[in-house]
Protein backbone atom coordinates (compact mmCIF):
# COMPACT_ATOMS: atom_id res chain seq x y z
CA MET A 1 113.11 60.65 -120.77
CA GLN A 2 113.17 58.69 -123.50
CA LYS A 3 110.56 55.37 -123.89
CA LEU A 4 110.19 53.11 -126.09
CA SER A 5 106.87 53.51 -128.09
CA ASP A 6 104.29 51.58 -128.26
CA SER A 7 105.28 50.21 -131.69
CA ASP A 8 108.81 49.33 -130.63
CA LEU A 9 107.30 47.72 -127.87
CA THR A 10 105.11 45.69 -129.87
CA ARG A 11 107.78 45.22 -132.33
CA THR A 12 110.34 43.57 -129.35
CA GLY A 13 107.69 41.97 -127.88
CA LEU A 14 107.52 44.14 -124.42
CA PRO A 15 104.19 44.34 -122.83
CA LEU A 16 102.34 47.63 -123.26
CA ALA A 17 100.87 47.25 -119.90
CA ALA A 18 102.92 45.97 -116.49
CA GLN A 19 101.69 43.03 -114.76
CA THR A 20 102.03 41.42 -111.36
CA GLY A 21 105.63 39.80 -111.12
CA ARG A 22 107.18 42.23 -113.84
CA VAL A 23 111.09 43.91 -112.81
CA LEU A 24 111.70 47.19 -115.03
CA LEU A 25 114.46 48.05 -116.14
CA ILE A 26 115.52 52.35 -116.20
CA ALA A 27 118.98 52.08 -118.46
CA CYS A 28 121.13 54.04 -120.31
CA GLY A 29 119.68 53.97 -124.15
CA ALA A 30 123.60 52.66 -125.08
CA LEU A 31 122.67 49.69 -123.64
CA ALA A 32 119.25 49.13 -124.71
CA ARG A 33 120.47 46.71 -128.08
CA GLU A 34 122.35 44.03 -125.57
CA ILE A 35 119.65 44.30 -123.00
CA LEU A 36 117.18 43.37 -125.81
CA ASP A 37 119.15 40.89 -127.39
CA LEU A 38 119.79 39.15 -123.86
CA ARG A 39 116.61 39.34 -122.66
CA LYS A 40 115.48 37.32 -126.13
CA ALA A 41 118.41 34.92 -125.97
CA ASN A 42 117.42 34.19 -122.42
CA GLY A 43 113.30 34.17 -122.60
CA TRP A 44 113.68 36.58 -119.89
CA THR A 45 110.30 37.80 -121.05
CA HIS A 46 109.20 39.17 -117.43
CA LEU A 47 112.07 41.94 -118.06
CA ASP A 48 110.72 45.37 -119.47
CA LEU A 49 112.72 48.10 -120.49
CA THR A 50 113.05 51.91 -120.07
CA CYS A 51 115.37 54.01 -121.45
CA LEU A 52 117.28 57.05 -120.72
CA PRO A 53 118.61 59.18 -124.04
CA ALA A 54 121.97 57.65 -124.93
CA ASN A 55 123.47 60.85 -124.80
CA TYR A 56 123.73 61.18 -120.69
CA HIS A 57 126.36 59.21 -121.68
CA LEU A 58 127.94 63.11 -122.54
CA TYR A 59 126.36 65.05 -120.03
CA PRO A 60 126.66 62.34 -116.33
CA GLU A 61 124.83 65.22 -114.37
CA LYS A 62 121.94 64.33 -116.11
CA ILE A 63 121.71 60.49 -115.36
CA THR A 64 120.52 61.35 -111.67
CA GLN A 65 117.70 63.45 -111.84
CA GLY A 66 116.55 61.01 -115.30
CA VAL A 67 116.38 58.10 -112.94
CA ARG A 68 115.00 59.92 -110.52
CA GLU A 69 111.60 60.69 -112.51
CA ALA A 70 111.85 57.34 -114.30
CA VAL A 71 111.22 55.76 -110.67
CA THR A 72 108.91 58.14 -109.95
CA LYS A 73 106.78 57.63 -112.74
CA HIS A 74 106.50 53.71 -113.23
CA ARG A 75 106.76 52.67 -109.18
CA ALA A 76 103.79 51.92 -108.51
CA ALA A 77 103.27 49.40 -112.00
CA TYR A 78 105.79 46.94 -111.44
CA ASP A 79 107.05 44.93 -108.58
CA GLN A 80 110.84 45.43 -109.19
CA ILE A 81 112.90 48.30 -110.84
CA PHE A 82 116.11 47.55 -111.35
CA VAL A 83 118.62 50.39 -112.38
CA VAL A 84 120.68 49.84 -115.70
CA TYR A 85 123.82 52.54 -114.90
CA ALA A 86 127.16 52.05 -112.96
CA ASP A 87 127.98 55.30 -111.53
CA CYS A 88 128.69 56.70 -114.94
CA GLY A 89 130.27 60.14 -113.42
CA THR A 90 127.24 60.68 -111.42
CA GLY A 91 130.30 60.24 -108.16
CA GLY A 92 128.26 58.81 -106.12
CA LEU A 93 125.40 60.47 -106.93
CA LEU A 94 123.46 57.84 -108.59
CA GLN A 95 124.24 55.37 -105.76
CA ALA A 96 122.76 57.77 -103.11
CA ALA A 97 119.20 58.46 -105.34
CA CYS A 98 119.50 54.56 -105.90
CA ARG A 99 119.49 53.94 -101.84
CA GLU A 100 117.20 56.92 -101.04
CA LEU A 101 114.38 55.51 -104.02
CA ALA A 102 115.13 51.65 -102.25
CA VAL A 103 115.53 50.15 -106.05
CA GLU A 104 118.96 48.29 -106.73
CA MET A 105 121.31 49.39 -109.39
CA ILE A 106 123.87 47.52 -111.50
CA ALA A 107 127.36 47.11 -109.94
CA GLY A 108 131.02 49.21 -110.88
CA PRO A 109 132.53 52.62 -112.23
CA HIS A 110 130.80 52.47 -115.74
CA CYS A 111 129.57 50.29 -118.53
CA TYR A 112 133.27 49.32 -119.26
CA SER A 113 134.46 47.81 -116.54
CA PHE A 114 131.11 45.59 -115.73
CA PHE A 115 130.88 44.29 -119.67
CA GLU A 116 134.60 43.10 -118.58
CA GLY A 117 133.46 42.00 -115.09
CA ASN A 118 134.08 44.03 -112.59
CA ALA A 119 136.92 42.12 -110.77
CA ARG A 120 138.37 41.57 -113.88
CA PHE A 121 138.37 44.92 -114.78
CA ALA A 122 140.09 46.26 -111.18
CA GLU A 123 142.96 43.89 -111.85
CA HIS A 124 144.70 46.36 -114.80
CA SER A 125 142.50 49.32 -114.45
CA ASP A 126 145.58 50.97 -113.11
CA SER A 127 147.69 49.88 -115.53
CA GLU A 128 145.50 50.80 -118.22
CA ILE A 129 145.10 54.90 -117.54
CA THR A 130 146.10 55.40 -121.18
CA ALA A 131 143.98 53.63 -122.39
CA PHE A 132 140.86 54.77 -123.86
CA TYR A 133 137.23 52.01 -124.43
CA LEU A 134 134.79 51.52 -126.96
CA THR A 135 132.11 48.94 -127.03
CA ASP A 136 129.39 48.02 -129.47
CA PHE A 137 127.22 51.14 -128.79
CA LEU A 138 130.57 53.55 -129.02
CA VAL A 139 131.91 52.06 -132.18
CA ARG A 140 128.71 52.30 -134.04
CA GLN A 141 127.92 55.32 -132.94
CA PHE A 142 131.73 56.87 -133.05
CA ASP A 143 130.86 59.99 -135.19
CA ALA A 144 128.31 61.23 -133.15
CA PHE A 145 129.29 60.16 -128.81
CA VAL A 146 133.49 61.01 -129.97
CA VAL A 147 134.13 63.19 -133.25
CA LYS A 148 130.88 65.78 -133.37
CA PRO A 149 131.30 66.27 -129.87
CA MET A 150 134.72 67.18 -129.55
CA GLY A 151 134.77 68.96 -132.30
CA LEU A 152 137.28 66.57 -134.59
CA ASP A 153 135.31 66.81 -137.41
CA ARG A 154 135.68 70.69 -137.72
CA HIS A 155 139.36 70.94 -135.70
CA PRO A 156 140.71 67.69 -136.43
CA GLN A 157 144.03 69.82 -135.29
CA LEU A 158 142.47 69.11 -131.58
CA ARG A 159 142.79 65.14 -131.77
CA ASP A 160 146.18 65.25 -130.35
CA MET A 161 145.19 67.68 -127.42
CA TYR A 162 142.66 65.16 -126.70
CA PHE A 163 144.04 62.44 -126.75
CA GLY A 164 148.01 62.72 -127.23
CA ASN A 165 147.87 60.83 -123.13
CA TYR A 166 146.47 57.68 -124.74
CA GLU A 167 148.77 55.27 -125.81
CA LYS A 168 145.93 52.65 -127.12
CA LEU A 169 142.09 52.02 -127.91
CA VAL A 170 140.59 48.83 -126.46
CA TYR A 171 137.68 47.72 -128.00
CA GLN A 172 135.33 45.73 -125.65
CA ALA A 173 133.18 43.60 -128.44
CA GLN A 174 129.86 42.19 -126.91
CA THR A 175 129.88 40.32 -130.24
CA ASP A 176 131.78 38.98 -132.47
CA ASP A 177 131.56 40.87 -135.57
CA PRO A 178 134.00 41.47 -138.09
CA ALA A 179 132.72 44.47 -139.31
CA LEU A 180 132.81 45.93 -136.29
CA THR A 181 136.00 45.06 -135.53
CA GLN A 182 137.16 47.09 -138.39
CA LYS A 183 134.90 49.31 -137.84
CA ALA A 184 137.22 49.89 -134.35
CA GLN A 185 140.53 49.75 -136.01
CA ASP A 186 139.76 52.95 -138.28
CA CYS A 187 138.23 54.25 -135.10
CA ALA A 188 142.10 53.64 -133.15
CA ALA A 189 143.37 54.63 -136.54
CA PHE A 190 141.86 57.99 -136.87
CA LEU A 191 142.64 58.74 -133.10
CA GLY A 192 146.38 57.62 -133.84
CA LEU A 193 146.35 54.80 -131.13
CA ALA A 194 147.06 51.32 -130.88
CA PHE A 195 144.09 48.91 -131.47
CA GLU A 196 143.85 46.01 -128.45
CA ARG A 197 140.51 44.05 -129.03
CA ARG A 198 138.54 41.99 -126.33
CA LEU A 199 135.90 40.16 -127.13
CA THR A 200 134.50 40.30 -123.58
CA GLY A 201 130.53 39.56 -124.51
CA TYR A 202 127.80 41.13 -121.60
CA GLY A 203 130.08 40.04 -118.62
CA ASP A 204 128.54 41.20 -115.82
CA LEU A 205 125.32 42.94 -117.42
CA ALA A 206 124.61 39.03 -118.07
CA THR A 207 124.62 38.46 -114.19
CA ALA A 208 122.54 40.67 -112.90
CA LEU A 209 119.99 40.56 -115.62
CA ALA A 210 119.75 37.26 -114.69
CA ASP A 211 119.49 37.54 -110.93
CA LEU A 212 116.65 39.60 -111.52
CA LYS A 213 113.35 36.80 -110.63
CA PRO A 214 110.11 37.27 -111.72
């Protein structure tokens, strides 16, 4: 499990020891930046954060056990634990584990859904089967999480095999950053896909965290 170091905790203002009334967020490392930004912007000082490795995005079979271990490790120190993972490819196993462990988790099939808002995403999900989604994190880490794991840096001819049935790349922008937008456009061009940008903000992630009272 990847946990923020003491120096990271000090730098971001997170406490080094749990206190009564505190809430621990067990999150995907791909959401750390967004969670810390929301925490700072809203003064949610009662929220602490620990993250599982972001590359579990590529290995969803590791998520459930990682969450189990994190809950077991930290349960005694916190009044509440909240899991900031959607189903994320676990096939319902994470939800079952959270129910067994008596902890809550964010709703939705994946982060693309809750960033856009689960209700809104569900309205058009059937018509976007041929859409490939990127978030701010995945745009920044496009090489590490898309290009290299798929071998496209070594075997560019695989691109059409992997993405030949996709029609567009949808960039769900959490922030209004022209540099990230340009990089997302470059990602779409690299994959040979049409480009669409949606400024989603933090969607249901912000709502879920706001509901976690001290």
